[in-house]
Amino acid sequence: MSYISTSDISDKIADGFDITPYILEADQAVEDLAERVGVRTVSDIKTNPVHYKIRRYATVYSLMRLCQDRIGAINPDMPESNKYLIQYGMYKKELDSLVQQIGARMFTGDISSISDRVSSVEIWRG
């Protein structure tokens, strides 16, 4: 099951790269996170629609992994100016924040009131 598609990846850092392998890896990361928050089986994950934060988690995970693989490919003598290293740090921070915000009910679609959602707003630039 794919939780995102290439059309969900709009960050220019991915331009010119085949992002498909990272999306496939992100799918596995989503299922791992679901298990960690208490969703027992993949079939319990609601996919129509996939909750926004879960889609965002998969998108950020994909981009983070792309950047991780590209670190050092440009400007190996000046790692602090490496755009992939910089973006990796931003994506990692956002991913860590999303992990704290995503709960089992977001995976299963059992959100019946606003109190079932996590109320945390953070702004990220990519």
C-alpha atoms as a PDB file:
ATOM      1  CA  MET A   1       0.000   0.000   0.000  1.00  0.00           C
ATOM      2  CA  SER A   2       1.325   3.398  -0.928  1.00  0.00           C
ATOM      3  CA  TYR A   3       0.345   6.260   1.358  1.00  0.00           C
ATOM      4  CA  ILE A   4       1.706   8.962  -0.953  1.00  0.00           C
ATOM      5  CA  SER A   5       2.552   9.329  -4.622  1.00  0.00           C
ATOM      6  CA  THR A   6       5.127  11.281  -6.568  1.00  0.00           C
ATOM      7  CA  SER A   7       2.568  14.074  -6.931  1.00  0.00           C
ATOM      8  CA  ASP A   8       2.770  14.622  -3.155  1.00  0.00           C
ATOM      9  CA  ILE A   9       6.467  15.492  -3.499  1.00  0.00           C
ATOM     10  CA  SER A  10       6.574  19.146  -4.485  1.00  0.00           C
ATOM     11  CA  ASP A  11       9.868  20.250  -2.935  1.00  0.00           C
ATOM     12  CA  LYS A  12      12.325  21.392  -5.590  1.00  0.00           C
ATOM     13  CA  ILE A  13      15.135  19.450  -3.887  1.00  0.00           C
ATOM     14  CA  ALA A  14      13.641  16.316  -5.456  1.00  0.00           C
ATOM     15  CA  ASP A  15      13.661  17.731  -8.999  1.00  0.00           C
ATOM     16  CA  GLY A  16      15.532  15.442 -11.359  1.00  0.00           C
ATOM     17  CA  PHE A  17      15.549  12.442  -9.014  1.00  0.00           C
ATOM     18  CA  ASP A  18      13.520   9.251  -9.108  1.00  0.00           C
ATOM     19  CA  ILE A  19      11.766   9.534  -5.767  1.00  0.00           C
ATOM     20  CA  THR A  20       9.907   6.208  -6.119  1.00  0.00           C
ATOM     21  CA  PRO A  21      12.361   4.120  -4.020  1.00  0.00           C
ATOM     22  CA  TYR A  22      12.073   6.681  -1.214  1.00  0.00           C
ATOM     23  CA  ILE A  23       8.275   6.577  -1.370  1.00  0.00           C
ATOM     24  CA  LEU A  24       8.382   2.784  -1.070  1.00  0.00           C
ATOM     25  CA  GLU A  25      10.669   3.110   1.945  1.00  0.00           C
ATOM     26  CA  ALA A  26       8.357   5.754   3.433  1.00  0.00           C
ATOM     27  CA  ASP A  27       5.444   3.324   3.133  1.00  0.00           C
ATOM     28  CA  GLN A  28       7.353   0.902   5.343  1.00  0.00           C
ATOM     29  CA  ALA A  29       8.163   3.722   7.789  1.00  0.00           C
ATOM     30  CA  VAL A  30       4.466   4.643   7.992  1.00  0.00           C
ATOM     31  CA  GLU A  31       3.547   1.048   8.788  1.00  0.00           C
ATOM     32  CA  ASP A  32       6.314   0.879  11.390  1.00  0.00           C
ATOM     33  CA  LEU A  33       5.040   4.074  13.025  1.00  0.00           C
ATOM     34  CA  ALA A  34       1.493   2.704  12.995  1.00  0.00           C
ATOM     35  CA  GLU A  35       2.692  -0.380  14.821  1.00  0.00           C
ATOM     36  CA  ARG A  36       4.606   1.740  17.359  1.00  0.00           C
ATOM     37  CA  VAL A  37       1.467   3.749  18.206  1.00  0.00           C
ATOM     38  CA  GLY A  38      -0.648   0.626  18.636  1.00  0.00           C
ATOM     39  CA  VAL A  39      -2.211  -0.153  15.265  1.00  0.00           C
ATOM     40  CA  ARG A  40      -2.085  -3.940  15.163  1.00  0.00           C
ATOM     41  CA  THR A  41      -2.304  -4.672  11.443  1.00  0.00           C
ATOM     42  CA  VAL A  42      -1.756  -2.809   8.205  1.00  0.00           C
ATOM     43  CA  SER A  43      -5.347  -3.547   7.215  1.00  0.00           C
ATOM     44  CA  ASP A  44      -6.472  -1.323  10.123  1.00  0.00           C
ATOM     45  CA  ILE A  45      -4.880   1.728   8.485  1.00  0.00           C
ATOM     46  CA  LYS A  46      -7.510   3.875   6.797  1.00  0.00           C
ATOM     47  CA  THR A  47      -6.324   4.809   3.325  1.00  0.00           C
ATOM     48  CA  ASN A  48      -9.261   6.658   1.878  1.00  0.00           C
ATOM     49  CA  PRO A  49      -8.305   9.305   2.701  1.00  0.00           C
ATOM     50  CA  VAL A  50      -4.953   9.020   4.460  1.00  0.00           C
ATOM     51  CA  HIS A  51      -4.807  11.511   7.346  1.00  0.00           C
ATOM     52  CA  TYR A  52      -2.902  14.681   6.406  1.00  0.00           C
ATOM     53  CA  LYS A  53      -0.206  14.257   9.062  1.00  0.00           C
ATOM     54  CA  ILE A  54       0.443  10.682   7.997  1.00  0.00           C
ATOM     55  CA  ARG A  55       0.756  11.797   4.366  1.00  0.00           C
ATOM     56  CA  ARG A  56       3.068  14.593   5.486  1.00  0.00           C
ATOM     57  CA  TYR A  57       5.129  12.119   7.535  1.00  0.00           C
ATOM     58  CA  ALA A  58       5.589   9.904   4.466  1.00  0.00           C
ATOM     59  CA  THR A  59       6.451  12.896   2.278  1.00  0.00           C
ATOM     60  CA  VAL A  60       8.981  14.293   4.742  1.00  0.00           C
ATOM     61  CA  TYR A  61      10.472  10.841   5.295  1.00  0.00           C
ATOM     62  CA  SER A  62      10.953  10.421   1.529  1.00  0.00           C
ATOM     63  CA  LEU A  63      12.633  13.800   1.163  1.00  0.00           C
ATOM     64  CA  MET A  64      14.793  13.271   4.252  1.00  0.00           C
ATOM     65  CA  ARG A  65      16.063   9.958   2.873  1.00  0.00           C
ATOM     66  CA  LEU A  66      16.777  11.521  -0.530  1.00  0.00           C
ATOM     67  CA  CYS A  67      18.825  14.232   1.164  1.00  0.00           C
ATOM     68  CA  GLN A  68      20.577  11.688   3.370  1.00  0.00           C
ATOM     69  CA  ASP A  69      21.677   9.778   0.276  1.00  0.00           C
ATOM     70  CA  ARG A  70      22.830  12.963  -1.462  1.00  0.00           C
ATOM     71  CA  ILE A  71      24.876  14.419   1.427  1.00  0.00           C
ATOM     72  CA  GLY A  72      28.428  14.822   0.273  1.00  0.00           C
ATOM     73  CA  ALA A  73      27.592  14.552  -3.416  1.00  0.00           C
ATOM     74  CA  ILE A  74      28.099  18.315  -3.802  1.00  0.00           C
ATOM     75  CA  ASN A  75      30.729  20.434  -2.030  1.00  0.00           C
ATOM     76  CA  PRO A  76      32.338  17.585  -0.074  1.00  0.00           C
ATOM     77  CA  ASP A  77      35.033  20.020   1.133  1.00  0.00           C
ATOM     78  CA  MET A  78      32.450  22.382   2.625  1.00  0.00           C
ATOM     79  CA  PRO A  79      29.751  20.200   4.216  1.00  0.00           C
ATOM     80  CA  GLU A  80      28.162  23.146   6.015  1.00  0.00           C
ATOM     81  CA  SER A  81      27.172  24.609   2.636  1.00  0.00           C
ATOM     82  CA  ASN A  82      25.758  21.342   1.307  1.00  0.00           C
ATOM     83  CA  LYS A  83      22.099  22.000   0.501  1.00  0.00           C
ATOM     84  CA  TYR A  84      21.252  18.346   1.092  1.00  0.00           C
ATOM     85  CA  LEU A  85      22.763  18.416   4.569  1.00  0.00           C
ATOM     86  CA  ILE A  86      20.838  21.570   5.413  1.00  0.00           C
ATOM     87  CA  GLN A  87      17.560  20.172   4.078  1.00  0.00           C
ATOM     88  CA  TYR A  88      18.191  16.828   5.793  1.00  0.00           C
ATOM     89  CA  GLY A  89      18.376  18.639   9.143  1.00  0.00           C
ATOM     90  CA  MET A  90      15.138  20.492   8.472  1.00  0.00           C
ATOM     91  CA  TYR A  91      13.310  17.343   7.384  1.00  0.00           C
ATOM     92  CA  LYS A  92      14.654  15.356  10.346  1.00  0.00           C
ATOM     93  CA  LYS A  93      13.398  17.999  12.755  1.00  0.00           C
ATOM     94  CA  GLU A  94       9.965  18.061  11.131  1.00  0.00           C
ATOM     95  CA  LEU A  95       9.810  14.255  11.073  1.00  0.00           C
ATOM     96  CA  ASP A  96      10.624  14.089  14.786  1.00  0.00           C
ATOM     97  CA  SER A  97       7.853  16.604  15.464  1.00  0.00           C
ATOM     98  CA  LEU A  98       5.337  14.664  13.376  1.00  0.00           C
ATOM     99  CA  VAL A  99       6.144  11.428  15.229  1.00  0.00           C
ATOM    100  CA  GLN A 100       5.080  13.170  18.439  1.00  0.00           C
ATOM    101  CA  GLN A 101       1.822  14.361  16.873  1.00  0.00           C
ATOM    102  CA  ILE A 102       0.600  11.189  15.164  1.00  0.00           C
ATOM    103  CA  GLY A 103      -1.584   8.805  17.123  1.00  0.00           C
ATOM    104  CA  ALA A 104      -3.316   5.510  16.435  1.00  0.00           C
ATOM    105  CA  ARG A 105      -6.669   7.189  15.772  1.00  0.00           C
ATOM    106  CA  MET A 106      -5.180   9.094  12.852  1.00  0.00           C
ATOM    107  CA  PHE A 107      -4.229   5.776  11.266  1.00  0.00           C
ATOM    108  CA  THR A 108      -7.556   4.083  11.884  1.00  0.00           C
ATOM    109  CA  GLY A 109      -9.784   7.059  11.114  1.00  0.00           C
ATOM    110  CA  ASP A 110     -11.491   6.816  14.507  1.00  0.00           C
ATOM    111  CA  ILE A 111     -11.457  10.552  15.091  1.00  0.00           C
ATOM    112  CA  SER A 112     -14.906  11.580  16.233  1.00  0.00           C
ATOM    113  CA  SER A 113     -14.212  14.900  17.910  1.00  0.00           C
ATOM    114  CA  ILE A 114     -11.640  17.643  17.935  1.00  0.00           C
ATOM    115  CA  SER A 115     -10.273  16.293  21.237  1.00  0.00           C
ATOM    116  CA  ASP A 116      -9.189  13.140  19.372  1.00  0.00           C
ATOM    117  CA  ARG A 117      -6.734  15.216  17.356  1.00  0.00           C
ATOM    118  CA  VAL A 118      -3.387  16.542  18.488  1.00  0.00           C
ATOM    119  CA  SER A 119      -3.457  20.325  18.666  1.00  0.00           C
ATOM    120  CA  SER A 120       0.050  21.415  17.817  1.00  0.00           C
ATOM    121  CA  VAL A 121       0.873  23.819  15.037  1.00  0.00           C
ATOM    122  CA  GLU A 122       4.347  24.269  13.652  1.00  0.00           C
ATOM    123  CA  ILE A 123       5.419  25.961  10.438  1.00  0.00           C
ATOM    124  CA  TRP A 124       8.105  24.442   8.237  1.00  0.00           C
ATOM    125  CA  ARG A 125       9.850  25.889   5.240  1.00  0.00           C
ATOM    126  CA  GLY A 126      11.286  23.680   2.579  1.00  0.00           C
END
